[in-house]
Amino acid sequence: MTSLLEWEPCARDGLLYGVGAGTCAAFLGLFKRGSLISAGNWGVLTFGIVGIAAKHLCDYQRAYRRARIRTMLGMDRPAKVANFTPDKPASDKPKDD
């Protein structure tokens, strides 16, 4: 589990938000309905939905930040080469002087 959290930067956030939301939903479901199985189902469902949503949101925010940094540094535009002209094919006709 440690290697997943090291290699995937947003996995930690997704898991933490999912565990927190799933625990809250399970306790609320237990107090409201009184059934442990129903509360567990709601907890697992909430864990999955919130965990996946938090990971995708974190990935989107990271990509947005990287794009903004590239834009501010001017790395999103192709480099210009001074006085560059592409090679033109030689014509078969001789030039008239």
PDB file of N, CA and C in Angstrom:
ATOM      1  N   MET A   1       0.823  -1.188   0.000  1.00  0.00           N
ATOM      2  CA  MET A   1       0.000   0.000   0.000  1.00  0.00           C
ATOM      3  C   MET A   1       0.867   1.251   0.000  1.00  0.00           C
ATOM      4  N   THR A   2       2.021   1.178   0.624  1.00  0.00           N
ATOM      5  CA  THR A   2       2.895   2.341   0.669  1.00  0.00           C
ATOM      6  C   THR A   2       3.389   2.701  -0.726  1.00  0.00           C
ATOM      7  N   SER A   3       3.688   1.702  -1.550  1.00  0.00           N
ATOM      8  CA  SER A   3       4.188   2.010  -2.891  1.00  0.00           C
ATOM      9  C   SER A   3       3.118   2.701  -3.738  1.00  0.00           C
ATOM     10  N   LEU A   4       1.847   2.336  -3.561  1.00  0.00           N
ATOM     11  CA  LEU A   4       0.775   3.005  -4.296  1.00  0.00           C
ATOM     12  C   LEU A   4       0.706   4.477  -3.912  1.00  0.00           C
ATOM     13  N   LEU A   5       0.832   4.751  -2.631  1.00  0.00           N
ATOM     14  CA  LEU A   5       0.738   6.126  -2.171  1.00  0.00           C
ATOM     15  C   LEU A   5       1.954   6.952  -2.574  1.00  0.00           C
ATOM     16  N   GLU A   6       3.088   6.303  -2.783  1.00  0.00           N
ATOM     17  CA  GLU A   6       4.286   7.034  -3.201  1.00  0.00           C
ATOM     18  C   GLU A   6       4.257   7.351  -4.692  1.00  0.00           C
ATOM     19  N   TRP A   7       3.780   6.422  -5.501  1.00  0.00           N
ATOM     20  CA  TRP A   7       3.828   6.605  -6.945  1.00  0.00           C
ATOM     21  C   TRP A   7       2.644   7.380  -7.484  1.00  0.00           C
ATOM     22  N   GLU A   8       1.535   7.316  -6.834  1.00  0.00           N
ATOM     23  CA  GLU A   8       0.334   8.013  -7.301  1.00  0.00           C
ATOM     24  C   GLU A   8       0.027   9.137  -6.322  1.00  0.00           C
ATOM     25  N   PRO A   9       0.365  10.375  -6.673  1.00  0.00           N
ATOM     26  CA  PRO A   9       0.264  11.471  -5.706  1.00  0.00           C
ATOM     27  C   PRO A   9      -1.151  11.765  -5.230  1.00  0.00           C
ATOM     28  N   CYS A  10      -2.151  11.499  -6.030  1.00  0.00           N
ATOM     29  CA  CYS A  10      -3.524  11.821  -5.626  1.00  0.00           C
ATOM     30  C   CYS A  10      -4.242  10.651  -4.968  1.00  0.00           C
ATOM     31  N   ALA A  11      -3.615   9.487  -4.897  1.00  0.00           N
ATOM     32  CA  ALA A  11      -4.262   8.332  -4.279  1.00  0.00           C
ATOM     33  C   ALA A  11      -4.466   8.555  -2.790  1.00  0.00           C
ATOM     34  N   ARG A  12      -3.528   9.187  -2.137  1.00  0.00           N
ATOM     35  CA  ARG A  12      -3.631   9.439  -0.700  1.00  0.00           C
ATOM     36  C   ARG A  12      -4.840  10.315  -0.393  1.00  0.00           C
ATOM     37  N   ASP A  13      -5.000  11.388  -1.140  1.00  0.00           N
ATOM     38  CA  ASP A  13      -6.143  12.279  -0.923  1.00  0.00           C
ATOM     39  C   ASP A  13      -7.462  11.555  -1.161  1.00  0.00           C
ATOM     40  N   GLY A  14      -7.527  10.792  -2.233  1.00  0.00           N
ATOM     41  CA  GLY A  14      -8.756  10.063  -2.535  1.00  0.00           C
ATOM     42  C   GLY A  14      -9.115   9.065  -1.453  1.00  0.00           C
ATOM     43  N   LEU A  15      -8.113   8.334  -0.965  1.00  0.00           N
ATOM     44  CA  LEU A  15      -8.381   7.366   0.091  1.00  0.00           C
ATOM     45  C   LEU A  15      -8.802   8.046   1.391  1.00  0.00           C
ATOM     46  N   LEU A  16      -8.134   9.113   1.754  1.00  0.00           N
ATOM     47  CA  LEU A  16      -8.485   9.799   3.009  1.00  0.00           C
ATOM     48  C   LEU A  16      -9.890  10.388   2.958  1.00  0.00           C
ATOM     49  N   TYR A  17     -10.221  11.065   1.877  1.00  0.00           N
ATOM     50  CA  TYR A  17     -11.571  11.623   1.751  1.00  0.00           C
ATOM     51  C   TYR A  17     -12.616  10.507   1.701  1.00  0.00           C
ATOM     52  N   GLY A  18     -12.314   9.426   0.994  1.00  0.00           N
ATOM     53  CA  GLY A  18     -13.256   8.320   0.903  1.00  0.00           C
ATOM     54  C   GLY A  18     -13.496   7.642   2.245  1.00  0.00           C
ATOM     55  N   VAL A  19     -12.435   7.410   3.004  1.00  0.00           N
ATOM     56  CA  VAL A  19     -12.576   6.781   4.315  1.00  0.00           C
ATOM     57  C   VAL A  19     -13.371   7.681   5.257  1.00  0.00           C
ATOM     58  N   GLY A  20     -13.061   8.967   5.250  1.00  0.00           N
ATOM     59  CA  GLY A  20     -13.782   9.896   6.121  1.00  0.00           C
ATOM     60  C   GLY A  20     -15.261   9.982   5.786  1.00  0.00           C
ATOM     61  N   ALA A  21     -15.562  10.119   4.499  1.00  0.00           N
ATOM     62  CA  ALA A  21     -16.964  10.234   4.086  1.00  0.00           C
ATOM     63  C   ALA A  21     -17.707   8.914   4.292  1.00  0.00           C
ATOM     64  N   GLY A  22     -17.045   7.794   4.016  1.00  0.00           N
ATOM     65  CA  GLY A  22     -17.683   6.496   4.212  1.00  0.00           C
ATOM     66  C   GLY A  22     -17.990   6.221   5.677  1.00  0.00           C
ATOM     67  N   THR A  23     -17.073   6.598   6.553  1.00  0.00           N
ATOM     68  CA  THR A  23     -17.296   6.419   7.986  1.00  0.00           C
ATOM     69  C   THR A  23     -18.461   7.277   8.466  1.00  0.00           C
ATOM     70  N   CYS A  24     -18.500   8.521   8.037  1.00  0.00           N
ATOM     71  CA  CYS A  24     -19.609   9.408   8.420  1.00  0.00           C
ATOM     72  C   CYS A  24     -20.940   8.872   7.904  1.00  0.00           C
ATOM     73  N   ALA A  25     -20.960   8.416   6.649  1.00  0.00           N
ATOM     74  CA  ALA A  25     -22.204   7.901   6.081  1.00  0.00           C
ATOM     75  C   ALA A  25     -22.645   6.631   6.806  1.00  0.00           C
ATOM     76  N   ALA A  26     -21.693   5.776   7.179  1.00  0.00           N
ATOM     77  CA  ALA A  26     -22.056   4.545   7.892  1.00  0.00           C
ATOM     78  C   ALA A  26     -22.638   4.866   9.263  1.00  0.00           C
ATOM     79  N   PHE A  27     -22.026   5.781   9.990  1.00  0.00           N
ATOM     80  CA  PHE A  27     -22.560   6.145  11.305  1.00  0.00           C
ATOM     81  C   PHE A  27     -23.923   6.823  11.200  1.00  0.00           C
ATOM     82  N   LEU A  28     -24.078   7.700  10.218  1.00  0.00           N
ATOM     83  CA  LEU A  28     -25.381   8.341  10.047  1.00  0.00           C
ATOM     84  C   LEU A  28     -26.456   7.329   9.653  1.00  0.00           C
ATOM     85  N   GLY A  29     -26.099   6.408   8.784  1.00  0.00           N
ATOM     86  CA  GLY A  29     -27.047   5.367   8.405  1.00  0.00           C
ATOM     87  C   GLY A  29     -27.392   4.453   9.565  1.00  0.00           C
ATOM     88  N   LEU A  30     -26.414   4.171  10.418  1.00  0.00           N
ATOM     89  CA  LEU A  30     -26.668   3.333  11.588  1.00  0.00           C
ATOM     90  C   LEU A  30     -27.606   4.025  12.561  1.00  0.00           C
ATOM     91  N   PHE A  31     -27.409   5.312  12.779  1.00  0.00           N
ATOM     92  CA  PHE A  31     -28.277   6.047  13.701  1.00  0.00           C
ATOM     93  C   PHE A  31     -29.678   6.254  13.121  1.00  0.00           C
ATOM     94  N   LYS A  32     -29.762   6.446  11.817  1.00  0.00           N
ATOM     95  CA  LYS A  32     -31.056   6.722  11.197  1.00  0.00           C
ATOM     96  C   LYS A  32     -31.889   5.451  11.035  1.00  0.00           C
ATOM     97  N   ARG A  33     -31.292   4.390  10.502  1.00  0.00           N
ATOM     98  CA  ARG A  33     -32.037   3.176  10.203  1.00  0.00           C
ATOM     99  C   ARG A  33     -31.902   2.119  11.295  1.00  0.00           C
ATOM    100  N   GLY A  34     -30.782   2.081  11.945  1.00  0.00           N
ATOM    101  CA  GLY A  34     -30.572   1.090  12.992  1.00  0.00           C
ATOM    102  C   GLY A  34     -30.111  -0.261  12.477  1.00  0.00           C
ATOM    103  N   SER A  35     -29.971  -0.408  11.185  1.00  0.00           N
ATOM    104  CA  SER A  35     -29.530  -1.672  10.593  1.00  0.00           C
ATOM    105  C   SER A  35     -28.054  -1.576  10.250  1.00  0.00           C
ATOM    106  N   LEU A  36     -27.278  -2.520  10.769  1.00  0.00           N
ATOM    107  CA  LEU A  36     -25.838  -2.514  10.529  1.00  0.00           C
ATOM    108  C   LEU A  36     -25.503  -2.820   9.071  1.00  0.00           C
ATOM    109  N   ILE A  37     -26.234  -3.712   8.442  1.00  0.00           N
ATOM    110  CA  ILE A  37     -25.966  -4.073   7.043  1.00  0.00           C
ATOM    111  C   ILE A  37     -26.267  -2.896   6.114  1.00  0.00           C
ATOM    112  N   SER A  38     -27.391  -2.228   6.331  1.00  0.00           N
ATOM    113  CA  SER A  38     -27.732  -1.071   5.511  1.00  0.00           C
ATOM    114  C   SER A  38     -26.716   0.055   5.702  1.00  0.00           C
ATOM    115  N   ALA A  39     -26.304   0.274   6.938  1.00  0.00           N
ATOM    116  CA  ALA A  39     -25.316   1.316   7.217  1.00  0.00           C
ATOM    117  C   ALA A  39     -23.973   0.985   6.561  1.00  0.00           C
ATOM    118  N   GLY A  40     -23.596  -0.300   6.593  1.00  0.00           N
ATOM    119  CA  GLY A  40     -22.353  -0.715   5.944  1.00  0.00           C
ATOM    120  C   GLY A  40     -22.397  -0.521   4.442  1.00  0.00           C
ATOM    121  N   ASN A  41     -23.541  -0.843   3.843  1.00  0.00           N
ATOM    122  CA  ASN A  41     -23.692  -0.638   2.399  1.00  0.00           C
ATOM    123  C   ASN A  41     -23.551   0.839   2.031  1.00  0.00           C
ATOM    124  N   TRP A  42     -24.201   1.706   2.810  1.00  0.00           N
ATOM    125  CA  TRP A  42     -24.094   3.134   2.541  1.00  0.00           C
ATOM    126  C   TRP A  42     -22.662   3.629   2.743  1.00  0.00           C
ATOM    127  N   GLY A  43     -21.984   3.095   3.739  1.00  0.00           N
ATOM    128  CA  GLY A  43     -20.594   3.491   3.979  1.00  0.00           C
ATOM    129  C   GLY A  43     -19.671   3.103   2.836  1.00  0.00           C
ATOM    130  N   VAL A  44     -19.827   1.870   2.343  1.00  0.00           N
ATOM    131  CA  VAL A  44     -18.981   1.395   1.234  1.00  0.00           C
ATOM    132  C   VAL A  44     -19.289   2.171  -0.041  1.00  0.00           C
ATOM    133  N   LEU A  45     -20.562   2.402  -0.308  1.00  0.00           N
ATOM    134  CA  LEU A  45     -20.948   3.169  -1.498  1.00  0.00           C
ATOM    135  C   LEU A  45     -20.378   4.589  -1.440  1.00  0.00           C
ATOM    136  N   THR A  46     -20.508   5.217  -0.289  1.00  0.00           N
ATOM    137  CA  THR A  46     -19.995   6.586  -0.138  1.00  0.00           C
ATOM    138  C   THR A  46     -18.475   6.614  -0.245  1.00  0.00           C
ATOM    139  N   PHE A  47     -17.798   5.613   0.334  1.00  0.00           N
ATOM    140  CA  PHE A  47     -16.341   5.523   0.220  1.00  0.00           C
ATOM    141  C   PHE A  47     -15.914   5.482  -1.241  1.00  0.00           C
ATOM    142  N   GLY A  48     -16.580   4.633  -2.029  1.00  0.00           N
ATOM    143  CA  GLY A  48     -16.205   4.503  -3.438  1.00  0.00           C
ATOM    144  C   GLY A  48     -16.446   5.762  -4.232  1.00  0.00           C
ATOM    145  N   ILE A  49     -17.610   6.352  -4.071  1.00  0.00           N
ATOM    146  CA  ILE A  49     -17.953   7.534  -4.864  1.00  0.00           C
ATOM    147  C   ILE A  49     -17.077   8.719  -4.488  1.00  0.00           C
ATOM    148  N   VAL A  50     -16.940   8.983  -3.193  1.00  0.00           N
ATOM    149  CA  VAL A  50     -16.159  10.140  -2.755  1.00  0.00           C
ATOM    150  C   VAL A  50     -14.670   9.924  -3.040  1.00  0.00           C
ATOM    151  N   GLY A  51     -14.178   8.707  -2.854  1.00  0.00           N
ATOM    152  CA  GLY A  51     -12.761   8.431  -3.117  1.00  0.00           C
ATOM    153  C   GLY A  51     -12.390   8.636  -4.577  1.00  0.00           C
ATOM    154  N   ILE A  52     -13.222   8.118  -5.471  1.00  0.00           N
ATOM    155  CA  ILE A  52     -12.952   8.275  -6.908  1.00  0.00           C
ATOM    156  C   ILE A  52     -13.084   9.736  -7.324  1.00  0.00           C
ATOM    157  N   ALA A  53     -14.122  10.405  -6.819  1.00  0.00           N
ATOM    158  CA  ALA A  53     -14.306  11.819  -7.170  1.00  0.00           C
ATOM    159  C   ALA A  53     -13.148  12.672  -6.655  1.00  0.00           C
ATOM    160  N   ALA A  54     -12.668  12.407  -5.453  1.00  0.00           N
ATOM    161  CA  ALA A  54     -11.559  13.192  -4.890  1.00  0.00           C
ATOM    162  C   ALA A  54     -10.271  12.961  -5.671  1.00  0.00           C
ATOM    163  N   LYS A  55     -10.027  11.724  -6.101  1.00  0.00           N
ATOM    164  CA  LYS A  55      -8.821  11.451  -6.887  1.00  0.00           C
ATOM    165  C   LYS A  55      -8.871  12.147  -8.240  1.00  0.00           C
ATOM    166  N   HIS A  56     -10.022  12.084  -8.902  1.00  0.00           N
ATOM    167  CA  HIS A  56     -10.147  12.745 -10.204  1.00  0.00           C
ATOM    168  C   HIS A  56     -10.041  14.268 -10.068  1.00  0.00           C
ATOM    169  N   LEU A  57     -10.607  14.814  -9.026  1.00  0.00           N
ATOM    170  CA  LEU A  57     -10.499  16.253  -8.801  1.00  0.00           C
ATOM    171  C   LEU A  57      -9.053  16.650  -8.536  1.00  0.00           C
ATOM    172  N   CYS A  58      -8.345  15.864  -7.762  1.00  0.00           N
ATOM    173  CA  CYS A  58      -6.935  16.145  -7.493  1.00  0.00           C
ATOM    174  C   CYS A  58      -6.104  16.058  -8.777  1.00  0.00           C
ATOM    175  N   ASP A  59      -6.367  15.035  -9.611  1.00  0.00           N
ATOM    176  CA  ASP A  59      -5.650  14.920 -10.890  1.00  0.00           C
ATOM    177  C   ASP A  59      -5.922  16.122 -11.787  1.00  0.00           C
ATOM    178  N   TYR A  60      -7.176  16.551 -11.827  1.00  0.00           N
ATOM    179  CA  TYR A  60      -7.528  17.716 -12.646  1.00  0.00           C
ATOM    180  C   TYR A  60      -6.810  18.964 -12.137  1.00  0.00           C
ATOM    181  N   GLN A  61      -6.786  19.167 -10.825  1.00  0.00           N
ATOM    182  CA  GLN A  61      -6.125  20.344 -10.260  1.00  0.00           C
ATOM    183  C   GLN A  61      -4.628  20.328 -10.532  1.00  0.00           C
ATOM    184  N   ARG A  62      -4.004  19.164 -10.470  1.00  0.00           N
ATOM    185  CA  ARG A  62      -2.566  19.066 -10.771  1.00  0.00           C
ATOM    186  C   ARG A  62      -2.289  19.403 -12.232  1.00  0.00           C
ATOM    187  N   ALA A  63      -3.117  18.878 -13.140  1.00  0.00           N
ATOM    188  CA  ALA A  63      -2.936  19.163 -14.561  1.00  0.00           C
ATOM    189  C   ALA A  63      -3.164  20.645 -14.849  1.00  0.00           C
ATOM    190  N   TYR A  64      -4.145  21.248 -14.183  1.00  0.00           N
ATOM    191  CA  TYR A  64      -4.426  22.665 -14.370  1.00  0.00           C
ATOM    192  C   TYR A  64      -3.253  23.514 -13.884  1.00  0.00           C
ATOM    193  N   ARG A  65      -2.698  23.158 -12.723  1.00  0.00           N
ATOM    194  CA  ARG A  65      -1.541  23.901 -12.206  1.00  0.00           C
ATOM    195  C   ARG A  65      -0.341  23.786 -13.141  1.00  0.00           C
ATOM    196  N   ARG A  66      -0.103  22.582 -13.661  1.00  0.00           N
ATOM    197  CA  ARG A  66       1.026  22.401 -14.586  1.00  0.00           C
ATOM    198  C   ARG A  66       0.828  23.205 -15.862  1.00  0.00           C
ATOM    199  N   ALA A  67      -0.392  23.240 -16.358  1.00  0.00           N
ATOM    200  CA  ALA A  67      -0.667  24.025 -17.567  1.00  0.00           C
ATOM    201  C   ALA A  67      -0.465  25.510 -17.305  1.00  0.00           C
ATOM    202  N   ARG A  68      -0.885  25.976 -16.153  1.00  0.00           N
ATOM    203  CA  ARG A  68      -0.693  27.390 -15.807  1.00  0.00           C
ATOM    204  C   ARG A  68       0.791  27.728 -15.696  1.00  0.00           C
ATOM    205  N   ILE A  69       1.572  26.843 -15.098  1.00  0.00           N
ATOM    206  CA  ILE A  69       3.012  27.081 -14.973  1.00  0.00           C
ATOM    207  C   ILE A  69       3.651  27.103 -16.354  1.00  0.00           C
ATOM    208  N   ARG A  70       3.263  26.154 -17.228  1.00  0.00           N
ATOM    209  CA  ARG A  70       3.809  26.152 -18.594  1.00  0.00           C
ATOM    210  C   ARG A  70       3.455  27.433 -19.330  1.00  0.00           C
ATOM    211  N   THR A  71       2.244  27.921 -19.135  1.00  0.00           N
ATOM    212  CA  THR A  71       1.818  29.150 -19.793  1.00  0.00           C
ATOM    213  C   THR A  71       2.611  30.335 -19.275  1.00  0.00           C
ATOM    214  N   MET A  72       2.804  30.415 -17.965  1.00  0.00           N
ATOM    215  CA  MET A  72       3.531  31.544 -17.387  1.00  0.00           C
ATOM    216  C   MET A  72       4.995  31.533 -17.794  1.00  0.00           C
ATOM    217  N   LEU A  73       5.574  30.351 -17.958  1.00  0.00           N
ATOM    218  CA  LEU A  73       6.973  30.263 -18.364  1.00  0.00           C
ATOM    219  C   LEU A  73       7.147  30.346 -19.880  1.00  0.00           C
ATOM    220  N   GLY A  74       6.067  30.318 -20.607  1.00  0.00           N
ATOM    221  CA  GLY A  74       6.137  30.413 -22.060  1.00  0.00           C
ATOM    222  C   GLY A  74       6.560  29.128 -22.723  1.00  0.00           C
ATOM    223  N   MET A  75       6.347  28.013 -22.073  1.00  0.00           N
ATOM    224  CA  MET A  75       6.763  26.736 -22.625  1.00  0.00           C
ATOM    225  C   MET A  75       5.695  26.106 -23.509  1.00  0.00           C
ATOM    226  N   ASP A  76       4.527  26.713 -23.616  1.00  0.00           N
ATOM    227  CA  ASP A  76       3.466  26.129 -24.414  1.00  0.00           C
ATOM    228  C   ASP A  76       3.537  26.529 -25.881  1.00  0.00           C
ATOM    229  N   ARG A  77       4.406  27.486 -26.202  1.00  0.00           N
ATOM    230  CA  ARG A  77       4.567  27.916 -27.589  1.00  0.00           C
ATOM    231  C   ARG A  77       5.799  27.257 -28.191  1.00  0.00           C
ATOM    232  N   PRO A  78       5.763  26.941 -29.488  1.00  0.00           N
ATOM    233  CA  PRO A  78       6.959  26.347 -30.098  1.00  0.00           C
ATOM    234  C   PRO A  78       8.096  27.368 -30.164  1.00  0.00           C
ATOM    235  N   ALA A  79       9.290  26.868 -30.078  1.00  0.00           N
ATOM    236  CA  ALA A  79      10.458  27.748 -30.106  1.00  0.00           C
ATOM    237  C   ALA A  79      10.638  28.336 -31.503  1.00  0.00           C
ATOM    238  N   LYS A  80      11.012  29.605 -31.550  1.00  0.00           N
ATOM    239  CA  LYS A  80      11.257  30.269 -32.838  1.00  0.00           C
ATOM    240  C   LYS A  80      12.753  30.248 -33.126  1.00  0.00           C
ATOM    241  N   VAL A  81      13.062  29.909 -34.367  1.00  0.00           N
ATOM    242  CA  VAL A  81      14.451  29.912 -34.810  1.00  0.00           C
ATOM    243  C   VAL A  81      14.641  31.123 -35.702  1.00  0.00           C
ATOM    244  N   ALA A  82      15.625  31.931 -35.397  1.00  0.00           N
ATOM    245  CA  ALA A  82      15.849  33.172 -36.131  1.00  0.00           C
ATOM    246  C   ALA A  82      16.320  32.878 -37.555  1.00  0.00           C
ATOM    247  N   ASN A  83      15.737  33.588 -38.518  1.00  0.00           N
ATOM    248  CA  ASN A  83      16.123  33.537 -39.931  1.00  0.00           C
ATOM    249  C   ASN A  83      16.114  32.122 -40.498  1.00  0.00           C
ATOM    250  N   PHE A  84      15.144  31.349 -40.165  1.00  0.00           N
ATOM    251  CA  PHE A  84      15.052  29.983 -40.677  1.00  0.00           C
ATOM    252  C   PHE A  84      14.096  29.961 -41.856  1.00  0.00           C
ATOM    253  N   THR A  85      14.568  29.423 -42.974  1.00  0.00           N
ATOM    254  CA  THR A  85      13.708  29.208 -44.135  1.00  0.00           C
ATOM    255  C   THR A  85      13.844  27.753 -44.529  1.00  0.00           C
ATOM    256  N   PRO A  86      12.752  27.088 -44.736  1.00  0.00           N
ATOM    257  CA  PRO A  86      12.850  25.672 -45.119  1.00  0.00           C
ATOM    258  C   PRO A  86      13.447  25.536 -46.507  1.00  0.00           C
ATOM    259  N   ASP A  87      14.083  24.397 -46.726  1.00  0.00           N
ATOM    260  CA  ASP A  87      14.688  24.142 -48.038  1.00  0.00           C
ATOM    261  C   ASP A  87      13.600  24.045 -49.092  1.00  0.00           C
ATOM    262  N   LYS A  88      13.832  24.737 -50.210  1.00  0.00           N
ATOM    263  CA  LYS A  88      12.885  24.690 -51.313  1.00  0.00           C
ATOM    264  C   LYS A  88      13.431  23.744 -52.364  1.00  0.00           C
ATOM    265  N   PRO A  89      12.550  22.993 -52.985  1.00  0.00           N
ATOM    266  CA  PRO A  89      13.036  22.092 -54.027  1.00  0.00           C
ATOM    267  C   PRO A  89      13.547  22.886 -55.227  1.00  0.00           C
ATOM    268  N   ALA A  90      14.600  22.393 -55.800  1.00  0.00           N
ATOM    269  CA  ALA A  90      15.179  23.076 -56.955  1.00  0.00           C
ATOM    270  C   ALA A  90      14.274  22.861 -58.164  1.00  0.00           C
ATOM    271  N   SER A  91      14.055  23.926 -58.908  1.00  0.00           N
ATOM    272  CA  SER A  91      13.213  23.808 -60.092  1.00  0.00           C
ATOM    273  C   SER A  91      14.066  23.317 -61.264  1.00  0.00           C
ATOM    274  N   ASP A  92      13.429  22.668 -62.203  1.00  0.00           N
ATOM    275  CA  ASP A  92      14.131  22.133 -63.367  1.00  0.00           C
ATOM    276  C   ASP A  92      14.405  23.187 -64.427  1.00  0.00           C
ATOM    277  N   LYS A  93      13.668  24.286 -64.369  1.00  0.00           N
ATOM    278  CA  LYS A  93      13.859  25.326 -65.384  1.00  0.00           C
ATOM    279  C   LYS A  93      15.041  26.221 -65.024  1.00  0.00           C
ATOM    280  N   PRO A  94      15.868  26.518 -66.016  1.00  0.00           N
ATOM    281  CA  PRO A  94      16.970  27.473 -65.739  1.00  0.00           C
ATOM    282  C   PRO A  94      16.399  28.876 -65.695  1.00  0.00           C
ATOM    283  N   LYS A  95      17.036  29.726 -64.937  1.00  0.00           N
ATOM    284  CA  LYS A  95      16.596  31.099 -64.817  1.00  0.00           C
ATOM    285  C   LYS A  95      17.046  31.901 -66.034  1.00  0.00           C
ATOM    286  N   ASP A  96      16.150  32.724 -66.546  1.00  0.00           N
ATOM    287  CA  ASP A  96      16.500  33.596 -67.651  1.00  0.00           C
ATOM    288  C   ASP A  96      17.053  34.889 -67.067  1.00  0.00           C
ATOM    289  N   ASP A  97      18.201  35.271 -67.541  1.00  0.00           N
ATOM    290  CA  ASP A  97      18.796  36.538 -67.080  1.00  0.00           C
ATOM    291  C   ASP A  97      18.525  37.653 -68.010  1.00  0.00           C
TER     292      ASP A  97
END
